[in-house]
């Protein structure tokens, strides 16, 4: 059985600080490594693209929305901070991929909509991103459903802790 990086780090902490419970590192370490590996797999796609991966993530959320969208809703869907989404929206607006308009109901929350060029860039990149992700996840085989279920439980646990 291979020893994972997070296990090595946990072992080091256990040796040097045995009073610490390093068990969270099993989950969080694997999650961070998986996230980093996925980002590395997608790097070539975004290296040649008009937008960066985080900007694409925001545009994907906006792509099929029918009604008004505010930054808070995008942040909730992506599981990130409103400040992070605001930075991405500012960049996307500067390049003409989204529009922000005053919200008559709440002057603090602008209404966001995607422009035609924003839709075009998403529609161009998304199929290739899906292809890369599908190939990368093919190794899960029959375990895919249990991995998804475990990740959904993780998301629920993190949301419960946050809220």
N, C-alpha and C. Protein backbone atom coordinates (compact mmCIF):
# COMPACT_ATOMS: atom_id res chain seq x y z
N UNK A 1 0.84 -1.18 0.00
CA UNK A 1 0.00 0.00 0.00
C UNK A 1 0.88 1.24 0.00
N UNK A 2 0.61 2.16 -0.93
CA UNK A 2 1.41 3.37 -1.05
C UNK A 2 1.09 4.32 0.10
N UNK A 3 2.11 5.03 0.56
CA UNK A 3 1.92 6.04 1.60
C UNK A 3 1.69 7.37 0.90
N UNK A 4 0.60 8.03 1.23
CA UNK A 4 0.26 9.30 0.62
C UNK A 4 1.00 10.43 1.31
N UNK A 5 1.22 11.51 0.56
CA UNK A 5 1.89 12.69 1.10
C UNK A 5 1.26 13.16 2.40
N UNK A 6 -0.08 13.20 2.44
CA UNK A 6 -0.75 13.69 3.64
C UNK A 6 -0.46 12.76 4.82
N UNK A 7 -0.29 11.46 4.56
CA UNK A 7 0.04 10.52 5.63
C UNK A 7 1.45 10.77 6.16
N UNK A 8 2.37 11.08 5.24
CA UNK A 8 3.74 11.38 5.65
C UNK A 8 3.76 12.62 6.52
N UNK A 9 3.06 13.65 6.10
CA UNK A 9 3.00 14.89 6.87
C UNK A 9 2.34 14.63 8.22
N UNK A 10 1.26 13.85 8.23
CA UNK A 10 0.58 13.53 9.49
C UNK A 10 1.53 12.75 10.40
N UNK A 11 2.28 11.82 9.84
CA UNK A 11 3.24 11.06 10.64
C UNK A 11 4.29 11.98 11.24
N UNK A 12 4.77 12.95 10.45
CA UNK A 12 5.76 13.91 10.97
C UNK A 12 5.18 14.72 12.14
N UNK A 13 3.93 15.17 11.99
CA UNK A 13 3.29 15.92 13.06
C UNK A 13 3.11 15.04 14.29
N UNK A 14 2.72 13.80 14.08
CA UNK A 14 2.51 12.88 15.20
C UNK A 14 3.81 12.65 15.95
N UNK A 15 4.91 12.54 15.22
CA UNK A 15 6.21 12.36 15.87
C UNK A 15 6.63 13.58 16.67
N UNK A 16 6.38 14.75 16.11
CA UNK A 16 6.84 15.98 16.73
C UNK A 16 5.85 16.62 17.69
N UNK A 17 4.56 16.36 17.49
CA UNK A 17 3.52 16.90 18.36
C UNK A 17 2.46 15.82 18.59
N UNK A 18 2.79 14.78 19.36
CA UNK A 18 1.89 13.65 19.52
C UNK A 18 0.53 14.00 20.15
N UNK A 19 0.42 15.15 20.78
CA UNK A 19 -0.85 15.53 21.40
C UNK A 19 -1.89 16.01 20.37
N UNK A 20 -1.45 16.27 19.13
CA UNK A 20 -2.37 16.75 18.10
C UNK A 20 -3.09 15.60 17.40
N UNK A 21 -4.37 15.78 17.17
CA UNK A 21 -5.15 14.82 16.38
C UNK A 21 -4.99 15.21 14.91
N UNK A 22 -4.22 14.43 14.17
CA UNK A 22 -3.95 14.74 12.77
C UNK A 22 -4.92 14.05 11.81
N UNK A 23 -5.94 13.40 12.34
CA UNK A 23 -6.87 12.65 11.47
C UNK A 23 -7.56 13.52 10.41
N UNK A 24 -7.83 14.81 10.65
CA UNK A 24 -8.43 15.61 9.56
C UNK A 24 -7.54 15.69 8.32
N UNK A 25 -6.24 15.50 8.51
CA UNK A 25 -5.32 15.59 7.37
C UNK A 25 -5.58 14.49 6.34
N UNK A 26 -6.17 13.37 6.76
CA UNK A 26 -6.48 12.30 5.80
C UNK A 26 -7.45 12.81 4.74
N UNK A 27 -8.46 13.51 5.16
CA UNK A 27 -9.48 14.02 4.23
C UNK A 27 -9.00 15.29 3.54
N UNK A 28 -8.59 16.26 4.32
CA UNK A 28 -8.22 17.56 3.77
C UNK A 28 -6.99 17.45 2.88
N UNK A 29 -6.02 16.67 3.29
CA UNK A 29 -4.82 16.48 2.47
C UNK A 29 -5.16 15.88 1.11
N UNK A 30 -6.00 14.85 1.11
CA UNK A 30 -6.41 14.23 -0.16
C UNK A 30 -7.21 15.20 -1.01
N UNK A 31 -8.09 15.95 -0.38
CA UNK A 31 -8.91 16.93 -1.10
C UNK A 31 -8.03 17.99 -1.76
N UNK A 32 -7.07 18.51 -1.02
CA UNK A 32 -6.17 19.54 -1.57
C UNK A 32 -5.31 18.97 -2.70
N UNK A 33 -4.83 17.75 -2.52
CA UNK A 33 -4.02 17.14 -3.59
C UNK A 33 -4.86 16.91 -4.83
N UNK A 34 -6.09 16.42 -4.67
CA UNK A 34 -6.97 16.20 -5.82
C UNK A 34 -7.26 17.52 -6.54
N UNK A 35 -7.52 18.57 -5.78
CA UNK A 35 -7.79 19.88 -6.35
C UNK A 35 -6.57 20.39 -7.13
N UNK A 36 -5.40 20.23 -6.55
CA UNK A 36 -4.17 20.66 -7.21
C UNK A 36 -3.90 19.87 -8.49
N UNK A 37 -4.13 18.56 -8.44
CA UNK A 37 -3.93 17.73 -9.63
C UNK A 37 -4.90 18.10 -10.74
N UNK A 38 -6.15 18.35 -10.38
CA UNK A 38 -7.14 18.76 -11.38
C UNK A 38 -6.73 20.09 -12.01
N UNK A 39 -6.30 21.03 -11.21
CA UNK A 39 -5.86 22.33 -11.74
C UNK A 39 -4.70 22.13 -12.71
N UNK A 40 -3.79 21.23 -12.36
CA UNK A 40 -2.63 20.96 -13.23
C UNK A 40 -3.08 20.32 -14.55
N UNK A 41 -4.08 19.43 -14.50
CA UNK A 41 -4.59 18.82 -15.72
C UNK A 41 -5.26 19.84 -16.64
N UNK A 42 -5.89 20.84 -16.04
CA UNK A 42 -6.61 21.85 -16.83
C UNK A 42 -5.73 23.01 -17.28
N UNK A 43 -4.51 23.10 -16.75
CA UNK A 43 -3.62 24.22 -17.09
C UNK A 43 -3.45 24.42 -18.60
N UNK A 44 -3.19 23.36 -19.36
CA UNK A 44 -3.00 23.57 -20.81
C UNK A 44 -4.23 24.18 -21.49
N UNK A 45 -5.41 23.80 -21.07
CA UNK A 45 -6.64 24.36 -21.65
C UNK A 45 -6.70 25.86 -21.41
N UNK A 46 -6.43 26.29 -20.18
CA UNK A 46 -6.57 27.70 -19.85
C UNK A 46 -5.35 28.53 -20.24
N UNK A 47 -4.21 27.87 -20.47
CA UNK A 47 -3.02 28.61 -20.90
C UNK A 47 -3.26 29.28 -22.26
N UNK A 48 -4.05 28.64 -23.10
CA UNK A 48 -4.32 29.17 -24.43
C UNK A 48 -5.66 29.89 -24.51
N UNK A 49 -6.36 30.01 -23.39
CA UNK A 49 -7.72 30.57 -23.40
C UNK A 49 -7.71 32.07 -23.10
N UNK A 50 -8.83 32.70 -23.41
CA UNK A 50 -8.99 34.13 -23.16
C UNK A 50 -9.24 34.43 -21.69
N UNK A 51 -9.62 33.40 -20.91
CA UNK A 51 -9.91 33.60 -19.49
C UNK A 51 -9.19 32.53 -18.67
N UNK A 52 -9.06 32.80 -17.39
CA UNK A 52 -8.44 31.86 -16.46
C UNK A 52 -9.50 30.91 -15.92
N UNK A 53 -9.07 29.80 -15.35
CA UNK A 53 -10.01 28.82 -14.82
C UNK A 53 -11.00 29.40 -13.81
N UNK A 54 -10.56 30.20 -12.83
CA UNK A 54 -11.54 30.75 -11.87
C UNK A 54 -12.58 31.64 -12.54
N UNK A 55 -12.17 32.38 -13.55
CA UNK A 55 -13.12 33.22 -14.28
C UNK A 55 -14.13 32.34 -15.03
N UNK A 56 -13.64 31.26 -15.60
CA UNK A 56 -14.51 30.32 -16.31
C UNK A 56 -15.53 29.72 -15.35
N UNK A 57 -15.08 29.38 -14.14
CA UNK A 57 -16.00 28.82 -13.14
C UNK A 57 -17.17 29.77 -12.87
N UNK A 58 -16.87 31.06 -12.77
CA UNK A 58 -17.92 32.06 -12.54
C UNK A 58 -18.86 32.13 -13.74
N UNK A 59 -18.29 32.14 -14.94
CA UNK A 59 -19.12 32.21 -16.14
C UNK A 59 -19.99 30.97 -16.30
N UNK A 60 -19.49 29.81 -15.91
CA UNK A 60 -20.27 28.58 -16.01
C UNK A 60 -21.51 28.69 -15.12
N UNK A 61 -21.36 29.26 -13.94
CA UNK A 61 -22.50 29.44 -13.04
C UNK A 61 -23.53 30.36 -13.69
N UNK A 62 -23.07 31.40 -14.35
CA UNK A 62 -23.97 32.38 -14.94
C UNK A 62 -24.60 31.91 -16.26
N UNK A 63 -24.00 30.94 -16.91
CA UNK A 63 -24.35 30.59 -18.29
C UNK A 63 -25.83 30.32 -18.53
N UNK A 64 -26.50 29.61 -17.69
CA UNK A 64 -27.89 29.22 -17.97
C UNK A 64 -28.90 29.86 -17.03
N UNK A 65 -28.50 30.91 -16.32
CA UNK A 65 -29.42 31.56 -15.41
C UNK A 65 -30.44 32.36 -16.20
N UNK A 66 -31.68 32.25 -15.81
CA UNK A 66 -32.77 32.94 -16.51
C UNK A 66 -33.09 34.29 -15.88
N UNK A 67 -33.01 34.37 -14.56
CA UNK A 67 -33.37 35.60 -13.87
C UNK A 67 -32.16 36.35 -13.37
N UNK A 68 -32.41 37.38 -12.57
CA UNK A 68 -31.31 38.19 -12.03
C UNK A 68 -30.39 37.35 -11.13
N UNK A 69 -29.12 37.64 -11.23
CA UNK A 69 -28.13 36.95 -10.41
C UNK A 69 -27.31 38.02 -9.69
N UNK A 70 -27.06 37.78 -8.42
CA UNK A 70 -26.20 38.67 -7.66
C UNK A 70 -24.96 37.89 -7.23
N UNK A 71 -23.91 38.60 -6.90
CA UNK A 71 -22.63 37.97 -6.56
C UNK A 71 -22.77 36.96 -5.42
N UNK A 72 -23.60 37.26 -4.45
CA UNK A 72 -23.78 36.36 -3.32
C UNK A 72 -24.25 34.98 -3.77
N UNK A 73 -25.17 34.95 -4.74
CA UNK A 73 -25.65 33.66 -5.24
C UNK A 73 -24.55 32.88 -5.95
N UNK A 74 -23.71 33.57 -6.70
CA UNK A 74 -22.58 32.92 -7.37
C UNK A 74 -21.60 32.38 -6.33
N UNK A 75 -21.32 33.18 -5.31
CA UNK A 75 -20.41 32.76 -4.25
C UNK A 75 -20.93 31.52 -3.53
N UNK A 76 -22.23 31.50 -3.25
CA UNK A 76 -22.83 30.34 -2.58
C UNK A 76 -22.72 29.09 -3.44
N UNK A 77 -22.99 29.23 -4.72
CA UNK A 77 -22.94 28.06 -5.60
C UNK A 77 -21.52 27.52 -5.74
N UNK A 78 -20.54 28.41 -5.79
CA UNK A 78 -19.14 27.97 -5.92
C UNK A 78 -18.48 27.63 -4.59
N UNK A 79 -19.10 28.03 -3.50
CA UNK A 79 -18.51 27.77 -2.18
C UNK A 79 -17.30 28.63 -1.89
N UNK A 80 -17.34 29.87 -2.37
CA UNK A 80 -16.23 30.81 -2.17
C UNK A 80 -16.77 32.10 -1.55
N UNK A 81 -15.88 33.02 -1.24
CA UNK A 81 -16.30 34.28 -0.62
C UNK A 81 -16.86 35.25 -1.66
N UNK A 82 -17.71 36.14 -1.18
CA UNK A 82 -18.25 37.18 -2.06
C UNK A 82 -17.14 38.09 -2.57
N UNK A 83 -16.13 38.34 -1.75
CA UNK A 83 -15.01 39.19 -2.17
C UNK A 83 -14.29 38.56 -3.36
N UNK A 84 -14.09 37.24 -3.31
CA UNK A 84 -13.43 36.54 -4.41
C UNK A 84 -14.26 36.67 -5.69
N UNK A 85 -15.58 36.44 -5.57
CA UNK A 85 -16.47 36.54 -6.73
C UNK A 85 -16.45 37.97 -7.27
N UNK A 86 -16.47 38.95 -6.40
CA UNK A 86 -16.44 40.35 -6.84
C UNK A 86 -15.19 40.65 -7.65
N UNK A 87 -14.04 40.12 -7.21
CA UNK A 87 -12.80 40.32 -7.98
C UNK A 87 -12.90 39.69 -9.36
N UNK A 88 -13.44 38.46 -9.42
CA UNK A 88 -13.59 37.78 -10.71
C UNK A 88 -14.55 38.56 -11.61
N UNK A 89 -15.66 39.02 -11.04
CA UNK A 89 -16.65 39.77 -11.83
C UNK A 89 -16.06 41.07 -12.36
N UNK A 90 -15.24 41.73 -11.56
CA UNK A 90 -14.61 42.98 -12.01
C UNK A 90 -13.74 42.69 -13.23
N UNK A 91 -12.94 41.63 -13.16
CA UNK A 91 -12.08 41.26 -14.30
C UNK A 91 -12.91 40.91 -15.53
N UNK A 92 -13.96 40.14 -15.31
CA UNK A 92 -14.82 39.72 -16.42
C UNK A 92 -15.56 40.91 -17.04
N UNK A 93 -15.98 41.84 -16.21
CA UNK A 93 -16.66 43.03 -16.70
C UNK A 93 -15.71 43.90 -17.52
N UNK A 94 -14.48 44.06 -17.04
CA UNK A 94 -13.49 44.86 -17.76
C UNK A 94 -13.23 44.32 -19.15
N UNK A 95 -13.35 43.02 -19.32
CA UNK A 95 -13.08 42.39 -20.62
C UNK A 95 -14.36 42.14 -21.43
N UNK A 96 -15.49 42.62 -20.90
CA UNK A 96 -16.73 42.55 -21.65
C UNK A 96 -17.46 41.22 -21.62
N UNK A 97 -17.19 40.36 -20.62
CA UNK A 97 -17.84 39.05 -20.54
C UNK A 97 -19.10 39.08 -19.67
N UNK A 98 -19.19 40.06 -18.77
CA UNK A 98 -20.40 40.22 -17.95
C UNK A 98 -20.73 41.71 -17.86
N UNK A 99 -21.99 41.96 -17.49
CA UNK A 99 -22.46 43.32 -17.21
C UNK A 99 -22.96 43.34 -15.78
N UNK A 100 -22.68 44.45 -15.10
CA UNK A 100 -23.26 44.65 -13.77
C UNK A 100 -24.14 45.89 -13.83
N UNK A 101 -25.37 45.74 -13.34
CA UNK A 101 -26.32 46.84 -13.36
C UNK A 101 -26.83 47.07 -11.94
N UNK A 102 -27.21 48.29 -11.67
CA UNK A 102 -27.74 48.64 -10.34
C UNK A 102 -28.98 47.80 -10.05
N UNK A 103 -29.09 47.39 -8.81
CA UNK A 103 -30.23 46.61 -8.35
C UNK A 103 -31.19 47.56 -7.65
N UNK A 104 -32.39 47.72 -8.20
CA UNK A 104 -33.36 48.65 -7.62
C UNK A 104 -33.79 48.23 -6.22
N UNK A 105 -33.73 46.93 -5.93
CA UNK A 105 -34.17 46.42 -4.63
C UNK A 105 -33.08 46.48 -3.55
N UNK A 106 -31.82 46.50 -3.98
CA UNK A 106 -30.71 46.49 -3.02
C UNK A 106 -29.52 47.16 -3.67
N UNK A 107 -29.25 48.38 -3.30
CA UNK A 107 -28.18 49.16 -3.94
C UNK A 107 -26.80 48.57 -3.70
N UNK A 108 -26.66 47.68 -2.70
CA UNK A 108 -25.36 47.07 -2.42
C UNK A 108 -25.07 45.87 -3.31
N UNK A 109 -26.10 45.29 -3.94
CA UNK A 109 -25.95 44.06 -4.71
C UNK A 109 -26.31 44.32 -6.17
N UNK A 110 -25.32 44.39 -7.03
CA UNK A 110 -25.56 44.61 -8.45
C UNK A 110 -26.14 43.35 -9.09
N UNK A 111 -26.91 43.55 -10.14
CA UNK A 111 -27.44 42.43 -10.91
C UNK A 111 -26.44 42.11 -12.02
N UNK A 112 -26.10 40.84 -12.13
CA UNK A 112 -25.07 40.41 -13.07
C UNK A 112 -25.72 39.65 -14.21
N UNK A 113 -25.28 39.95 -15.41
CA UNK A 113 -25.72 39.18 -16.57
C UNK A 113 -24.52 38.91 -17.48
N UNK A 114 -24.63 37.86 -18.23
CA UNK A 114 -23.55 37.46 -19.12
C UNK A 114 -23.77 38.11 -20.49
N UNK A 115 -22.69 38.55 -21.11
CA UNK A 115 -22.77 39.11 -22.45
C UNK A 115 -22.65 37.98 -23.47
N UNK A 116 -22.90 38.31 -24.73
CA UNK A 116 -22.75 37.32 -25.81
C UNK A 116 -21.31 36.80 -25.87
N UNK A 117 -20.34 37.69 -25.67
CA UNK A 117 -18.94 37.22 -25.71
C UNK A 117 -18.63 36.33 -24.51
N UNK A 118 -19.27 36.57 -23.38
CA UNK A 118 -19.11 35.69 -22.22
C UNK A 118 -19.66 34.30 -22.51
N UNK A 119 -20.86 34.26 -23.12
CA UNK A 119 -21.44 32.97 -23.51
C UNK A 119 -20.55 32.24 -24.50
N UNK A 120 -20.00 32.98 -25.45
CA UNK A 120 -19.14 32.36 -26.47
C UNK A 120 -17.90 31.72 -25.85
N UNK A 121 -17.26 32.42 -24.93
CA UNK A 121 -16.04 31.88 -24.34
C UNK A 121 -16.34 30.65 -23.49
N UNK A 122 -17.47 30.65 -22.78
CA UNK A 122 -17.86 29.47 -22.00
C UNK A 122 -18.17 28.31 -22.93
N UNK A 123 -18.96 28.58 -23.95
CA UNK A 123 -19.35 27.51 -24.87
C UNK A 123 -18.17 26.93 -25.62
N UNK A 124 -17.14 27.71 -25.82
CA UNK A 124 -15.94 27.24 -26.49
C UNK A 124 -15.11 26.33 -25.57
N UNK A 125 -14.95 26.72 -24.31
CA UNK A 125 -14.07 26.00 -23.39
C UNK A 125 -14.73 24.81 -22.69
N UNK A 126 -16.00 24.93 -22.37
CA UNK A 126 -16.64 23.94 -21.51
C UNK A 126 -16.61 22.51 -22.06
N UNK A 127 -16.87 22.28 -23.34
CA UNK A 127 -16.81 20.89 -23.83
C UNK A 127 -15.43 20.25 -23.67
N UNK A 128 -14.38 21.02 -23.91
CA UNK A 128 -13.03 20.46 -23.75
C UNK A 128 -12.72 20.21 -22.28
N UNK A 129 -13.17 21.09 -21.42
CA UNK A 129 -12.98 20.87 -19.98
C UNK A 129 -13.68 19.59 -19.54
N UNK A 130 -14.92 19.39 -20.00
CA UNK A 130 -15.65 18.17 -19.67
C UNK A 130 -14.92 16.92 -20.16
N UNK A 131 -14.35 17.00 -21.37
CA UNK A 131 -13.62 15.86 -21.92
C UNK A 131 -12.43 15.51 -21.04
N UNK A 132 -11.67 16.51 -20.65
CA UNK A 132 -10.49 16.29 -19.80
C UNK A 132 -10.91 15.70 -18.46
N UNK A 133 -11.95 16.27 -17.85
CA UNK A 133 -12.41 15.78 -16.56
C UNK A 133 -12.93 14.35 -16.67
N UNK A 134 -13.67 14.04 -17.74
CA UNK A 134 -14.20 12.68 -17.92
C UNK A 134 -13.06 11.67 -18.05
N UNK A 135 -12.05 12.01 -18.82
CA UNK A 135 -10.90 11.11 -18.97
C UNK A 135 -10.17 10.93 -17.65
N UNK A 136 -10.02 12.02 -16.90
CA UNK A 136 -9.31 11.95 -15.63
C UNK A 136 -10.06 11.13 -14.59
N UNK A 137 -11.38 11.15 -14.65
CA UNK A 137 -12.20 10.44 -13.67
C UNK A 137 -12.55 9.01 -14.10
N UNK A 138 -12.20 8.63 -15.30
CA UNK A 138 -12.55 7.30 -15.81
C UNK A 138 -12.01 6.19 -14.91
N UNK A 139 -10.91 6.43 -14.25
CA UNK A 139 -10.32 5.42 -13.38
C UNK A 139 -11.15 5.09 -12.15
N UNK A 140 -12.15 5.90 -11.85
CA UNK A 140 -13.01 5.62 -10.70
C UNK A 140 -13.91 4.42 -10.95
N UNK A 141 -14.25 4.20 -12.21
CA UNK A 141 -15.09 3.05 -12.56
C UNK A 141 -16.36 2.99 -11.74
N UNK A 142 -16.63 1.79 -11.20
CA UNK A 142 -17.86 1.56 -10.44
C UNK A 142 -17.89 2.29 -9.10
N UNK A 143 -16.77 2.82 -8.66
CA UNK A 143 -16.71 3.52 -7.38
C UNK A 143 -17.14 4.98 -7.49
N UNK A 144 -17.40 5.44 -8.71
CA UNK A 144 -17.74 6.86 -8.93
C UNK A 144 -18.90 7.32 -8.04
N UNK A 145 -19.97 6.56 -7.98
CA UNK A 145 -21.15 6.97 -7.19
C UNK A 145 -20.81 7.10 -5.71
N UNK A 146 -20.00 6.20 -5.19
CA UNK A 146 -19.65 6.28 -3.77
C UNK A 146 -18.71 7.45 -3.51
N UNK A 147 -17.84 7.78 -4.47
CA UNK A 147 -16.97 8.95 -4.33
C UNK A 147 -17.82 10.22 -4.31
N UNK A 148 -18.78 10.32 -5.23
CA UNK A 148 -19.67 11.48 -5.28
C UNK A 148 -20.45 11.60 -3.97
N UNK A 149 -20.98 10.48 -3.49
CA UNK A 149 -21.74 10.51 -2.23
C UNK A 149 -20.86 10.97 -1.07
N UNK A 150 -19.63 10.50 -1.02
CA UNK A 150 -18.71 10.92 0.03
C UNK A 150 -18.38 12.40 -0.06
N UNK A 151 -18.18 12.88 -1.27
CA UNK A 151 -17.89 14.31 -1.44
C UNK A 151 -19.10 15.17 -1.07
N UNK A 152 -20.29 14.70 -1.39
CA UNK A 152 -21.50 15.44 -1.00
C UNK A 152 -21.65 15.48 0.52
N UNK A 153 -21.30 14.39 1.20
CA UNK A 153 -21.33 14.39 2.68
C UNK A 153 -20.29 15.37 3.22
N UNK A 154 -19.13 15.43 2.57
CA UNK A 154 -18.08 16.37 2.98
C UNK A 154 -18.58 17.80 2.82
N UNK A 155 -19.20 18.11 1.68
CA UNK A 155 -19.74 19.45 1.45
C UNK A 155 -20.78 19.80 2.52
N UNK A 156 -21.67 18.86 2.80
CA UNK A 156 -22.70 19.10 3.83
C UNK A 156 -22.06 19.35 5.20
N UNK A 157 -21.03 18.59 5.52
CA UNK A 157 -20.35 18.76 6.81
C UNK A 157 -19.68 20.14 6.90
N UNK A 158 -19.03 20.54 5.83
CA UNK A 158 -18.37 21.85 5.82
C UNK A 158 -19.39 22.98 5.89
N UNK A 159 -20.51 22.84 5.18
CA UNK A 159 -21.55 23.87 5.24
C UNK A 159 -22.15 23.97 6.63
N UNK A 160 -22.36 22.82 7.27
CA UNK A 160 -22.92 22.81 8.61
C UNK A 160 -21.96 23.47 9.60
N UNK A 161 -20.68 23.24 9.44
CA UNK A 161 -19.69 23.87 10.32
C UNK A 161 -19.66 25.37 10.11
N UNK A 162 -19.75 25.77 8.85
CA UNK A 162 -19.70 27.19 8.48
C UNK A 162 -20.93 27.94 9.00
N UNK A 163 -22.10 27.29 8.91
CA UNK A 163 -23.33 28.01 9.18
C UNK A 163 -23.85 27.83 10.56
